[in-house]
């Protein structure tokens, strides 16, 4: 697998690369400082298996990098790792196709766990597991709780306090819920839930 880490901050790139090599030994990790270098890198190093993307690059504005990558590589998992607060842009990134949003202020363990989840989700075993869980309305008790709390408009922090768990754990639960329903955001989750009667169960 070839993993592309696109970030214009050398120290951050190095930290992410170290985590990836620990999580997925044997993978080739390619470091890029801007998105415009990607086409040549892919031609030289091979098709991508995962993107780790910073939002603020010299040649991107807002979530333009997410849109560009998902437009060119819609099937390739995309992890956004950004200094921008999740509350400000996570929803937009997920709507644009990002699989996970990670704040740079997160600990190495949290970043590593999030990347590991994305990588595992892309494996055949992960796909088989998802198939076994269909239909999508077969949700766990916790996932049904999450949908109700999303409908109440609770933030990740509010949900964490109500359930007595960490915000990171809330993000993991939400990520799994999004995958189960085949959605990318809270808005899409609630739309799906209303269309399929999940809020009346």
N, C-alpha and C. Protein backbone atom coordinates (compact mmCIF):
# COMPACT_ATOMS: atom_id res chain seq x y z
N UNK A 1 0.84 -1.19 0.00
CA UNK A 1 0.00 0.00 0.00
C UNK A 1 0.88 1.25 0.00
N UNK A 2 0.48 2.22 -0.82
CA UNK A 2 1.17 3.51 -0.84
C UNK A 2 0.29 4.54 -0.14
N UNK A 3 0.84 5.17 0.89
CA UNK A 3 0.10 6.17 1.66
C UNK A 3 0.72 7.54 1.39
N UNK A 4 -0.13 8.51 1.08
CA UNK A 4 0.35 9.86 0.79
C UNK A 4 0.00 10.79 1.95
N UNK A 5 1.05 11.38 2.54
CA UNK A 5 0.87 12.35 3.62
C UNK A 5 1.14 13.73 3.04
N UNK A 6 0.10 14.56 2.98
CA UNK A 6 0.20 15.87 2.33
C UNK A 6 0.04 16.96 3.38
N UNK A 7 1.14 17.57 3.74
CA UNK A 7 1.16 18.58 4.80
C UNK A 7 2.38 19.47 4.57
N UNK A 8 2.23 20.78 4.65
CA UNK A 8 3.36 21.67 4.38
C UNK A 8 4.24 21.91 5.61
N UNK A 9 3.91 21.26 6.73
CA UNK A 9 4.71 21.39 7.94
C UNK A 9 5.58 20.13 8.10
N UNK A 10 6.89 20.23 7.89
CA UNK A 10 7.76 19.06 7.90
C UNK A 10 7.69 18.24 9.20
N UNK A 11 7.63 18.91 10.35
CA UNK A 11 7.59 18.17 11.61
C UNK A 11 6.31 17.37 11.76
N UNK A 12 5.19 17.95 11.33
CA UNK A 12 3.91 17.24 11.41
C UNK A 12 3.91 16.06 10.46
N UNK A 13 4.45 16.27 9.26
CA UNK A 13 4.54 15.16 8.30
C UNK A 13 5.34 14.01 8.91
N UNK A 14 6.46 14.35 9.51
CA UNK A 14 7.34 13.33 10.08
C UNK A 14 6.63 12.56 11.19
N UNK A 15 5.87 13.26 12.02
CA UNK A 15 5.14 12.61 13.11
C UNK A 15 4.08 11.64 12.57
N UNK A 16 3.34 12.08 11.55
CA UNK A 16 2.31 11.23 10.95
C UNK A 16 2.93 10.02 10.27
N UNK A 17 4.04 10.24 9.58
CA UNK A 17 4.74 9.14 8.91
C UNK A 17 5.20 8.09 9.92
N UNK A 18 5.73 8.54 11.05
CA UNK A 18 6.18 7.61 12.09
C UNK A 18 5.01 6.77 12.61
N UNK A 19 3.86 7.42 12.82
CA UNK A 19 2.67 6.69 13.28
C UNK A 19 2.22 5.66 12.26
N UNK A 20 2.21 6.07 10.99
CA UNK A 20 1.76 5.17 9.93
C UNK A 20 2.67 3.96 9.79
N UNK A 21 3.97 4.18 9.92
CA UNK A 21 4.91 3.06 9.80
C UNK A 21 4.77 2.09 10.96
N UNK A 22 4.33 2.61 12.11
CA UNK A 22 4.09 1.74 13.26
C UNK A 22 2.79 0.95 13.07
N UNK A 23 1.78 1.65 12.54
CA UNK A 23 0.46 1.03 12.34
C UNK A 23 0.47 0.06 11.17
N UNK A 24 1.12 0.45 10.09
CA UNK A 24 1.10 -0.34 8.85
C UNK A 24 2.52 -0.56 8.35
N UNK A 25 3.30 -1.37 9.08
CA UNK A 25 4.68 -1.62 8.64
C UNK A 25 4.71 -2.26 7.26
N UNK A 26 5.68 -1.87 6.47
CA UNK A 26 5.79 -2.41 5.12
C UNK A 26 5.13 -1.55 4.06
N UNK A 27 4.27 -0.62 4.50
CA UNK A 27 3.65 0.28 3.53
C UNK A 27 4.64 1.34 3.10
N UNK A 28 4.51 1.82 1.87
CA UNK A 28 5.34 2.92 1.41
C UNK A 28 4.62 4.22 1.73
N UNK A 29 5.30 5.12 2.42
CA UNK A 29 4.70 6.40 2.80
C UNK A 29 5.39 7.52 2.02
N UNK A 30 4.61 8.28 1.27
CA UNK A 30 5.14 9.36 0.45
C UNK A 30 4.75 10.69 1.09
N UNK A 31 5.74 11.56 1.31
CA UNK A 31 5.50 12.87 1.91
C UNK A 31 5.45 13.95 0.83
N UNK A 32 4.41 14.79 0.91
CA UNK A 32 4.28 15.91 -0.03
C UNK A 32 3.97 17.19 0.74
N UNK A 33 4.50 18.31 0.25
CA UNK A 33 4.28 19.58 0.91
C UNK A 33 3.13 20.38 0.33
N UNK A 34 2.63 19.94 -0.84
CA UNK A 34 1.49 20.62 -1.45
C UNK A 34 0.74 19.66 -2.37
N UNK A 35 -0.50 19.98 -2.61
CA UNK A 35 -1.36 19.07 -3.36
C UNK A 35 -0.98 19.00 -4.84
N UNK A 36 -0.43 20.07 -5.37
CA UNK A 36 -0.09 20.10 -6.79
C UNK A 36 1.02 19.11 -7.15
N UNK A 37 1.71 18.57 -6.14
CA UNK A 37 2.78 17.59 -6.39
C UNK A 37 2.25 16.17 -6.51
N UNK A 38 0.95 16.00 -6.24
CA UNK A 38 0.41 14.65 -6.13
C UNK A 38 0.44 13.85 -7.44
N UNK A 39 0.03 14.46 -8.53
CA UNK A 39 -0.06 13.72 -9.79
C UNK A 39 1.29 13.10 -10.19
N UNK A 40 2.35 13.89 -10.08
CA UNK A 40 3.68 13.37 -10.42
C UNK A 40 4.11 12.28 -9.45
N UNK A 41 3.75 12.46 -8.16
CA UNK A 41 4.13 11.46 -7.15
C UNK A 41 3.41 10.14 -7.40
N UNK A 42 2.13 10.20 -7.74
CA UNK A 42 1.37 8.98 -8.01
C UNK A 42 1.92 8.26 -9.24
N UNK A 43 2.29 9.03 -10.25
CA UNK A 43 2.87 8.45 -11.47
C UNK A 43 4.18 7.74 -11.16
N UNK A 44 4.94 8.29 -10.22
CA UNK A 44 6.25 7.73 -9.90
C UNK A 44 6.20 6.63 -8.84
N UNK A 45 5.28 6.77 -7.85
CA UNK A 45 5.29 5.87 -6.70
C UNK A 45 4.15 4.87 -6.66
N UNK A 46 3.09 5.11 -7.39
CA UNK A 46 2.00 4.14 -7.42
C UNK A 46 0.69 4.68 -6.90
N UNK A 47 -0.39 3.93 -7.17
CA UNK A 47 -1.74 4.34 -6.79
C UNK A 47 -1.88 4.44 -5.27
N UNK A 48 -2.65 5.41 -4.80
CA UNK A 48 -2.80 5.62 -3.37
C UNK A 48 -3.72 4.60 -2.71
N UNK A 49 -3.36 4.25 -1.45
CA UNK A 49 -4.23 3.39 -0.65
C UNK A 49 -4.85 4.16 0.49
N UNK A 50 -4.27 5.33 0.79
CA UNK A 50 -4.77 6.20 1.85
C UNK A 50 -4.17 7.59 1.68
N UNK A 51 -4.99 8.61 1.93
CA UNK A 51 -4.50 9.99 1.96
C UNK A 51 -4.60 10.52 3.39
N UNK A 52 -3.55 11.21 3.84
CA UNK A 52 -3.60 11.98 5.07
C UNK A 52 -3.37 13.43 4.65
N UNK A 53 -4.38 14.26 4.81
CA UNK A 53 -4.36 15.60 4.22
C UNK A 53 -4.51 16.70 5.26
N UNK A 54 -3.62 17.69 5.17
CA UNK A 54 -3.79 18.91 5.95
C UNK A 54 -4.70 19.84 5.15
N UNK A 55 -5.55 20.60 5.83
CA UNK A 55 -6.45 21.50 5.10
C UNK A 55 -5.73 22.73 4.57
N UNK A 56 -4.85 23.29 5.40
CA UNK A 56 -4.20 24.55 5.04
C UNK A 56 -2.88 24.30 4.33
N UNK A 57 -2.95 24.26 3.01
CA UNK A 57 -1.78 24.04 2.17
C UNK A 57 -1.57 25.28 1.29
N UNK A 58 -0.37 25.45 0.73
CA UNK A 58 -0.11 26.63 -0.11
C UNK A 58 -1.03 26.73 -1.31
N UNK A 59 -1.56 25.58 -1.76
CA UNK A 59 -2.37 25.61 -2.98
C UNK A 59 -3.82 25.14 -2.75
N UNK A 60 -4.31 25.30 -1.51
CA UNK A 60 -5.72 24.97 -1.25
C UNK A 60 -6.38 26.11 -0.49
N UNK A 61 -7.71 26.14 -0.59
CA UNK A 61 -8.50 27.12 0.15
C UNK A 61 -9.67 26.38 0.79
N UNK A 62 -9.84 26.54 2.11
CA UNK A 62 -10.94 25.86 2.79
C UNK A 62 -10.83 24.34 2.64
N UNK A 63 -11.91 23.74 2.15
CA UNK A 63 -11.91 22.28 1.98
C UNK A 63 -11.68 21.89 0.52
N UNK A 64 -11.08 22.79 -0.26
CA UNK A 64 -10.86 22.49 -1.68
C UNK A 64 -9.99 21.26 -1.88
N UNK A 65 -9.05 21.02 -0.98
CA UNK A 65 -8.19 19.84 -1.10
C UNK A 65 -8.98 18.55 -0.95
N UNK A 66 -9.92 18.54 -0.01
CA UNK A 66 -10.78 17.36 0.19
C UNK A 66 -11.59 17.10 -1.07
N UNK A 67 -12.19 18.15 -1.61
CA UNK A 67 -13.02 17.99 -2.82
C UNK A 67 -12.20 17.50 -4.00
N UNK A 68 -10.99 18.03 -4.14
CA UNK A 68 -10.14 17.63 -5.26
C UNK A 68 -9.76 16.15 -5.15
N UNK A 69 -9.33 15.72 -3.96
CA UNK A 69 -8.91 14.32 -3.78
C UNK A 69 -10.08 13.37 -3.99
N UNK A 70 -11.24 13.69 -3.44
CA UNK A 70 -12.38 12.78 -3.57
C UNK A 70 -12.92 12.79 -4.99
N UNK A 71 -12.69 13.90 -5.70
CA UNK A 71 -13.09 13.93 -7.10
C UNK A 71 -12.22 13.04 -7.96
N UNK A 72 -10.91 13.03 -7.67
CA UNK A 72 -9.97 12.22 -8.44
C UNK A 72 -9.92 10.77 -7.96
N UNK A 73 -10.05 10.59 -6.64
CA UNK A 73 -9.90 9.24 -6.05
C UNK A 73 -11.06 8.96 -5.09
N UNK A 74 -12.27 8.81 -5.62
CA UNK A 74 -13.45 8.67 -4.74
C UNK A 74 -13.43 7.44 -3.84
N UNK A 75 -12.71 6.39 -4.23
CA UNK A 75 -12.70 5.16 -3.45
C UNK A 75 -11.57 5.07 -2.43
N UNK A 76 -10.65 6.04 -2.47
CA UNK A 76 -9.49 5.99 -1.58
C UNK A 76 -9.83 6.65 -0.24
N UNK A 77 -9.60 5.97 0.89
CA UNK A 77 -9.87 6.56 2.20
C UNK A 77 -9.09 7.86 2.39
N UNK A 78 -9.73 8.82 3.05
CA UNK A 78 -9.12 10.13 3.25
C UNK A 78 -9.24 10.54 4.72
N UNK A 79 -8.10 10.77 5.35
CA UNK A 79 -8.07 11.28 6.72
C UNK A 79 -7.59 12.72 6.68
N UNK A 80 -8.40 13.63 7.19
CA UNK A 80 -7.99 15.02 7.29
C UNK A 80 -7.36 15.23 8.66
N UNK A 81 -6.14 15.75 8.68
CA UNK A 81 -5.44 16.04 9.94
C UNK A 81 -5.13 17.53 9.93
N UNK A 82 -5.84 18.28 10.75
CA UNK A 82 -5.77 19.74 10.64
C UNK A 82 -5.70 20.43 12.00
N UNK A 83 -5.13 21.64 11.99
CA UNK A 83 -5.08 22.46 13.20
C UNK A 83 -6.39 23.20 13.41
N UNK A 84 -7.24 23.23 12.40
CA UNK A 84 -8.54 23.89 12.52
C UNK A 84 -9.46 23.09 13.44
N UNK A 85 -10.17 23.77 14.33
CA UNK A 85 -11.06 23.09 15.25
C UNK A 85 -12.11 22.28 14.50
N UNK A 86 -12.35 21.07 14.97
CA UNK A 86 -13.32 20.20 14.32
C UNK A 86 -14.70 20.85 14.24
N UNK A 87 -15.06 21.60 15.27
CA UNK A 87 -16.38 22.24 15.30
C UNK A 87 -16.57 23.19 14.13
N UNK A 88 -15.47 23.72 13.60
CA UNK A 88 -15.56 24.70 12.52
C UNK A 88 -15.69 24.07 11.14
N UNK A 89 -15.03 22.93 10.91
CA UNK A 89 -14.99 22.41 9.53
C UNK A 89 -15.24 20.91 9.38
N UNK A 90 -15.34 20.16 10.48
CA UNK A 90 -15.47 18.70 10.34
C UNK A 90 -16.68 18.32 9.51
N UNK A 91 -17.81 18.97 9.78
CA UNK A 91 -19.04 18.63 9.05
C UNK A 91 -18.84 18.83 7.54
N UNK A 92 -18.24 19.95 7.16
CA UNK A 92 -18.01 20.23 5.73
C UNK A 92 -17.07 19.20 5.12
N UNK A 93 -16.02 18.85 5.87
CA UNK A 93 -15.06 17.85 5.34
C UNK A 93 -15.73 16.51 5.11
N UNK A 94 -16.57 16.09 6.06
CA UNK A 94 -17.26 14.80 5.90
C UNK A 94 -18.26 14.86 4.75
N UNK A 95 -18.94 15.98 4.63
CA UNK A 95 -19.89 16.14 3.51
C UNK A 95 -19.15 16.02 2.18
N UNK A 96 -17.91 16.52 2.15
CA UNK A 96 -17.12 16.50 0.92
C UNK A 96 -16.48 15.14 0.66
N UNK A 97 -16.57 14.23 1.64
CA UNK A 97 -16.08 12.87 1.41
C UNK A 97 -15.00 12.37 2.34
N UNK A 98 -14.52 13.21 3.27
CA UNK A 98 -13.48 12.75 4.20
C UNK A 98 -14.02 11.64 5.09
N UNK A 99 -13.19 10.64 5.36
CA UNK A 99 -13.60 9.51 6.19
C UNK A 99 -13.45 9.81 7.68
N UNK A 100 -12.49 10.64 8.03
CA UNK A 100 -12.28 10.98 9.43
C UNK A 100 -11.64 12.35 9.51
N UNK A 101 -11.94 13.08 10.57
CA UNK A 101 -11.34 14.39 10.80
C UNK A 101 -10.58 14.32 12.13
N UNK A 102 -9.30 14.66 12.09
CA UNK A 102 -8.45 14.55 13.28
C UNK A 102 -7.82 15.91 13.54
N UNK A 103 -7.97 16.40 14.76
CA UNK A 103 -7.32 17.66 15.12
C UNK A 103 -5.85 17.40 15.45
N UNK A 104 -4.99 18.31 15.03
CA UNK A 104 -3.55 18.14 15.28
C UNK A 104 -3.22 18.22 16.77
N UNK A 105 -4.14 18.75 17.56
CA UNK A 105 -3.91 18.82 19.00
C UNK A 105 -4.17 17.48 19.69
N UNK A 106 -4.71 16.50 18.95
CA UNK A 106 -4.96 15.19 19.53
C UNK A 106 -3.63 14.51 19.87
N UNK A 107 -3.69 13.59 20.81
CA UNK A 107 -2.47 12.87 21.20
C UNK A 107 -2.06 11.91 20.09
N UNK A 108 -0.81 11.47 20.15
CA UNK A 108 -0.33 10.50 19.15
C UNK A 108 -1.17 9.23 19.19
N UNK A 109 -1.59 8.83 20.39
CA UNK A 109 -2.41 7.61 20.53
C UNK A 109 -3.76 7.79 19.83
N UNK A 110 -4.37 8.98 19.98
CA UNK A 110 -5.67 9.23 19.36
C UNK A 110 -5.55 9.30 17.85
N UNK A 111 -4.51 9.99 17.37
CA UNK A 111 -4.30 10.07 15.92
C UNK A 111 -4.05 8.68 15.35
N UNK A 112 -3.21 7.91 16.05
CA UNK A 112 -2.90 6.56 15.60
C UNK A 112 -4.14 5.68 15.56
N UNK A 113 -4.99 5.79 16.57
CA UNK A 113 -6.21 4.97 16.63
C UNK A 113 -7.16 5.33 15.49
N UNK A 114 -7.28 6.64 15.22
CA UNK A 114 -8.17 7.08 14.14
C UNK A 114 -7.67 6.57 12.78
N UNK A 115 -6.36 6.67 12.55
CA UNK A 115 -5.80 6.19 11.28
C UNK A 115 -5.92 4.67 11.17
N UNK A 116 -5.75 3.99 12.27
CA UNK A 116 -5.88 2.52 12.26
C UNK A 116 -7.30 2.12 11.88
N UNK A 117 -8.29 2.84 12.42
CA UNK A 117 -9.69 2.56 12.09
C UNK A 117 -9.96 2.74 10.61
N UNK A 118 -9.41 3.81 10.04
CA UNK A 118 -9.61 4.06 8.61
C UNK A 118 -8.98 2.96 7.77
N UNK A 119 -7.78 2.55 8.15
CA UNK A 119 -7.09 1.49 7.41
C UNK A 119 -7.82 0.16 7.53
N UNK A 120 -8.29 -0.17 8.71
CA UNK A 120 -9.00 -1.43 8.91
C UNK A 120 -10.32 -1.44 8.14
N UNK A 121 -10.96 -0.28 8.07
CA UNK A 121 -12.24 -0.21 7.36
C UNK A 121 -12.08 -0.48 5.88
N UNK A 122 -10.88 -0.26 5.35
CA UNK A 122 -10.65 -0.46 3.93
C UNK A 122 -10.23 -1.87 3.57
N UNK A 123 -10.10 -2.75 4.56
CA UNK A 123 -9.66 -4.12 4.28
C UNK A 123 -10.84 -5.00 3.88
N UNK A 124 -10.59 -6.09 3.15
CA UNK A 124 -11.67 -7.01 2.79
C UNK A 124 -12.41 -7.53 4.02
N UNK A 125 -11.64 -7.79 5.11
CA UNK A 125 -12.28 -8.30 6.33
C UNK A 125 -13.27 -7.28 6.87
N UNK A 126 -12.88 -6.00 6.82
CA UNK A 126 -13.76 -4.94 7.28
C UNK A 126 -15.02 -4.86 6.44
N UNK A 127 -14.87 -5.04 5.12
CA UNK A 127 -16.02 -4.99 4.24
C UNK A 127 -16.96 -6.16 4.52
N UNK A 128 -16.36 -7.32 4.76
CA UNK A 128 -17.18 -8.50 5.04
C UNK A 128 -17.97 -8.29 6.33
N UNK A 129 -17.31 -7.67 7.32
CA UNK A 129 -17.98 -7.43 8.58
C UNK A 129 -19.16 -6.49 8.37
N UNK A 130 -18.97 -5.45 7.57
CA UNK A 130 -20.06 -4.53 7.29
C UNK A 130 -21.22 -5.25 6.62
N UNK A 131 -20.90 -6.16 5.68
CA UNK A 131 -21.95 -6.90 4.98
C UNK A 131 -22.77 -7.73 5.95
N UNK A 132 -22.08 -8.32 6.93
CA UNK A 132 -22.78 -9.16 7.89
C UNK A 132 -23.73 -8.35 8.76
N UNK A 133 -23.47 -7.06 8.90
CA UNK A 133 -24.27 -6.22 9.77
C UNK A 133 -25.49 -5.63 9.07
N UNK A 134 -25.62 -5.86 7.77
CA UNK A 134 -26.76 -5.35 7.04
C UNK A 134 -28.00 -6.18 7.38
N UNK A 135 -29.22 -5.62 7.36
CA UNK A 135 -29.49 -4.25 6.94
C UNK A 135 -29.00 -3.21 7.94
N UNK A 136 -28.81 -1.99 7.45
CA UNK A 136 -28.19 -0.95 8.25
C UNK A 136 -28.99 -0.58 9.49
N UNK A 137 -30.29 -0.89 9.48
CA UNK A 137 -31.12 -0.51 10.61
C UNK A 137 -30.84 -1.37 11.84
N UNK A 138 -30.04 -2.39 11.70
CA UNK A 138 -29.65 -3.21 12.86
C UNK A 138 -28.54 -2.48 13.61
N UNK A 139 -28.94 -1.51 14.40
CA UNK A 139 -27.98 -0.70 15.12
C UNK A 139 -27.85 -1.17 16.57
N UNK A 140 -26.69 -0.90 17.14
CA UNK A 140 -26.48 -1.22 18.55
C UNK A 140 -27.26 -0.22 19.41
N UNK A 141 -27.42 -0.56 20.67
CA UNK A 141 -28.11 0.34 21.59
C UNK A 141 -27.39 1.69 21.65
N UNK A 142 -26.07 1.66 21.69
CA UNK A 142 -25.30 2.89 21.77
C UNK A 142 -25.49 3.74 20.51
N UNK A 143 -25.54 3.10 19.35
CA UNK A 143 -25.73 3.84 18.10
C UNK A 143 -27.10 4.49 18.05
N UNK A 144 -28.11 3.80 18.57
CA UNK A 144 -29.45 4.40 18.63
C UNK A 144 -29.46 5.59 19.58
N UNK A 145 -28.71 5.47 20.70
CA UNK A 145 -28.60 6.59 21.62
C UNK A 145 -27.96 7.79 20.93
N UNK A 146 -26.92 7.53 20.16
CA UNK A 146 -26.22 8.60 19.46
C UNK A 146 -27.15 9.35 18.51
N UNK A 147 -27.96 8.60 17.77
CA UNK A 147 -28.87 9.24 16.82
C UNK A 147 -29.84 10.16 17.56
N UNK A 148 -30.36 9.71 18.68
CA UNK A 148 -31.28 10.53 19.47
C UNK A 148 -30.58 11.79 19.96
N UNK A 149 -29.34 11.64 20.43
CA UNK A 149 -28.61 12.79 20.94
C UNK A 149 -28.21 13.76 19.82
N UNK A 150 -27.91 13.22 18.64
CA UNK A 150 -27.65 14.09 17.50
C UNK A 150 -28.91 14.89 17.16
N UNK A 151 -30.06 14.24 17.26
CA UNK A 151 -31.32 14.90 16.97
C UNK A 151 -31.60 16.01 17.99
N UNK A 152 -31.08 15.84 19.20
CA UNK A 152 -31.23 16.87 20.24
C UNK A 152 -30.26 18.03 20.01
N UNK A 153 -29.33 17.85 19.07
CA UNK A 153 -28.38 18.92 18.77
C UNK A 153 -27.19 18.97 19.71
N UNK A 154 -26.92 17.86 20.40
CA UNK A 154 -25.81 17.83 21.35
C UNK A 154 -24.46 17.81 20.62
N UNK A 155 -23.48 18.50 21.18
CA UNK A 155 -22.12 18.48 20.65
C UNK A 155 -21.41 17.21 21.12
N UNK A 156 -20.23 16.94 20.56
CA UNK A 156 -19.46 15.78 21.01
C UNK A 156 -19.17 15.86 22.50
N UNK A 157 -18.87 17.07 22.98
CA UNK A 157 -18.58 17.25 24.40
C UNK A 157 -19.82 16.94 25.25
N UNK A 158 -20.98 17.41 24.80
CA UNK A 158 -22.23 17.15 25.53
C UNK A 158 -22.52 15.65 25.58
N UNK A 159 -22.31 14.98 24.44
CA UNK A 159 -22.56 13.53 24.37
C UNK A 159 -21.60 12.80 25.31
N UNK A 160 -20.33 13.22 25.30
CA UNK A 160 -19.33 12.59 26.17
C UNK A 160 -19.72 12.71 27.63
N UNK A 161 -20.18 13.89 28.01
CA UNK A 161 -20.58 14.11 29.41
C UNK A 161 -21.80 13.27 29.78
N UNK A 162 -22.76 13.19 28.86
CA UNK A 162 -23.98 12.43 29.16
C UNK A 162 -23.68 10.93 29.29
N UNK A 163 -22.78 10.44 28.43
CA UNK A 163 -22.49 9.00 28.44
C UNK A 163 -21.35 8.63 29.38
N UNK A 164 -20.65 9.65 29.89
CA UNK A 164 -19.53 9.37 30.79
C UNK A 164 -18.33 8.76 30.09
N UNK A 165 -18.09 9.22 28.84
CA UNK A 165 -16.95 8.72 28.07
C UNK A 165 -16.17 9.92 27.54
N UNK A 166 -15.01 9.67 26.91
CA UNK A 166 -14.20 10.77 26.39
C UNK A 166 -14.74 11.25 25.05
N UNK A 167 -14.37 12.49 24.68
CA UNK A 167 -14.78 13.01 23.38
C UNK A 167 -14.20 12.16 22.24
N UNK A 168 -12.99 11.65 22.44
CA UNK A 168 -12.38 10.81 21.42
C UNK A 168 -13.23 9.56 21.19
N UNK A 169 -13.71 8.95 22.29
CA UNK A 169 -14.55 7.75 22.16
C UNK A 169 -15.85 8.09 21.44
N UNK A 170 -16.38 9.27 21.70
CA UNK A 170 -17.59 9.70 21.00
C UNK A 170 -17.32 9.76 19.50
N UNK A 171 -16.17 10.33 19.12
CA UNK A 171 -15.83 10.42 17.70
C UNK A 171 -15.72 9.04 17.05
N UNK A 172 -15.14 8.10 17.79
CA UNK A 172 -15.02 6.73 17.27
C UNK A 172 -16.40 6.12 17.06
N UNK A 173 -17.29 6.31 18.04
CA UNK A 173 -18.65 5.78 17.93
C UNK A 173 -19.38 6.41 16.74
N UNK A 174 -19.22 7.73 16.57
CA UNK A 174 -19.87 8.40 15.46
C UNK A 174 -19.33 7.92 14.12
N UNK A 175 -18.02 7.72 14.06
CA UNK A 175 -17.39 7.25 12.83
C UNK A 175 -17.97 5.88 12.44
N UNK A 176 -18.12 5.00 13.43
CA UNK A 176 -18.68 3.67 13.15
C UNK A 176 -20.14 3.77 12.73
N UNK A 177 -20.88 4.69 13.37
CA UNK A 177 -22.28 4.88 13.00
C UNK A 177 -22.39 5.39 11.57
N UNK A 178 -21.56 6.36 11.20
CA UNK A 178 -21.58 6.89 9.83
C UNK A 178 -21.32 5.76 8.82
N UNK A 179 -20.33 4.93 9.12
CA UNK A 179 -20.01 3.82 8.21
C UNK A 179 -21.17 2.84 8.12
N UNK A 180 -21.80 2.55 9.24
CA UNK A 180 -22.92 1.60 9.24
C UNK A 180 -24.06 2.09 8.36
N UNK A 181 -24.31 3.39 8.42
CA UNK A 181 -25.43 3.95 7.66
C UNK A 181 -25.03 4.39 6.26
N UNK A 182 -23.72 4.41 5.99
CA UNK A 182 -23.26 4.84 4.67
C UNK A 182 -23.38 6.33 4.47
N UNK A 183 -23.18 7.09 5.57
CA UNK A 183 -23.28 8.55 5.50
C UNK A 183 -21.95 9.17 5.88
N UNK A 184 -21.86 10.51 5.73
CA UNK A 184 -20.59 11.19 5.99
C UNK A 184 -20.68 12.25 7.08
N UNK A 185 -21.89 12.54 7.57
CA UNK A 185 -22.01 13.66 8.50
C UNK A 185 -23.21 13.48 9.42
N UNK A 186 -23.28 14.37 10.42
CA UNK A 186 -24.43 14.38 11.33
C UNK A 186 -25.72 14.68 10.56
N UNK A 187 -25.64 15.66 9.66
CA UNK A 187 -26.82 16.05 8.88
C UNK A 187 -27.36 14.88 8.08
N UNK A 188 -26.47 14.16 7.40
CA UNK A 188 -26.89 13.01 6.61
C UNK A 188 -27.41 11.89 7.50
N UNK A 189 -26.81 11.74 8.69
CA UNK A 189 -27.27 10.72 9.64
C UNK A 189 -28.71 10.98 10.04
N UNK A 190 -29.02 12.22 10.38
CA UNK A 190 -30.37 12.56 10.81
C UNK A 190 -31.37 12.44 9.66
N UNK A 191 -30.95 12.81 8.46
CA UNK A 191 -31.82 12.65 7.30
C UNK A 191 -32.13 11.17 7.08
N UNK A 192 -31.10 10.33 7.14
CA UNK A 192 -31.29 8.89 6.97
C UNK A 192 -32.21 8.36 8.07
N UNK A 193 -31.97 8.80 9.31
CA UNK A 193 -32.75 8.30 10.44
C UNK A 193 -34.23 8.64 10.29
N UNK A 194 -34.50 9.87 9.83
CA UNK A 194 -35.91 10.28 9.66
C UNK A 194 -36.56 9.54 8.51
N UNK A 195 -35.82 9.36 7.41
CA UNK A 195 -36.37 8.67 6.24
C UNK A 195 -36.65 7.20 6.52
N UNK A 196 -35.89 6.63 7.47
CA UNK A 196 -36.02 5.19 7.74
C UNK A 196 -36.64 4.89 9.10
N UNK A 197 -37.22 5.90 9.71
CA UNK A 197 -37.96 5.68 10.95
C UNK A 197 -37.12 5.33 12.16
N UNK A 198 -35.83 5.66 12.12
CA UNK A 198 -34.97 5.27 13.23
C UNK A 198 -35.18 6.13 14.47
N UNK A 199 -35.75 7.30 14.31
CA UNK A 199 -35.98 8.18 15.46
C UNK A 199 -37.29 7.86 16.17
N UNK A 200 -38.06 6.95 15.63
CA UNK A 200 -39.34 6.59 16.26
C UNK A 200 -39.27 5.24 16.96
N UNK A 201 -38.04 4.59 16.87
CA UNK A 201 -37.92 3.26 17.46
C UNK A 201 -37.69 3.37 18.96
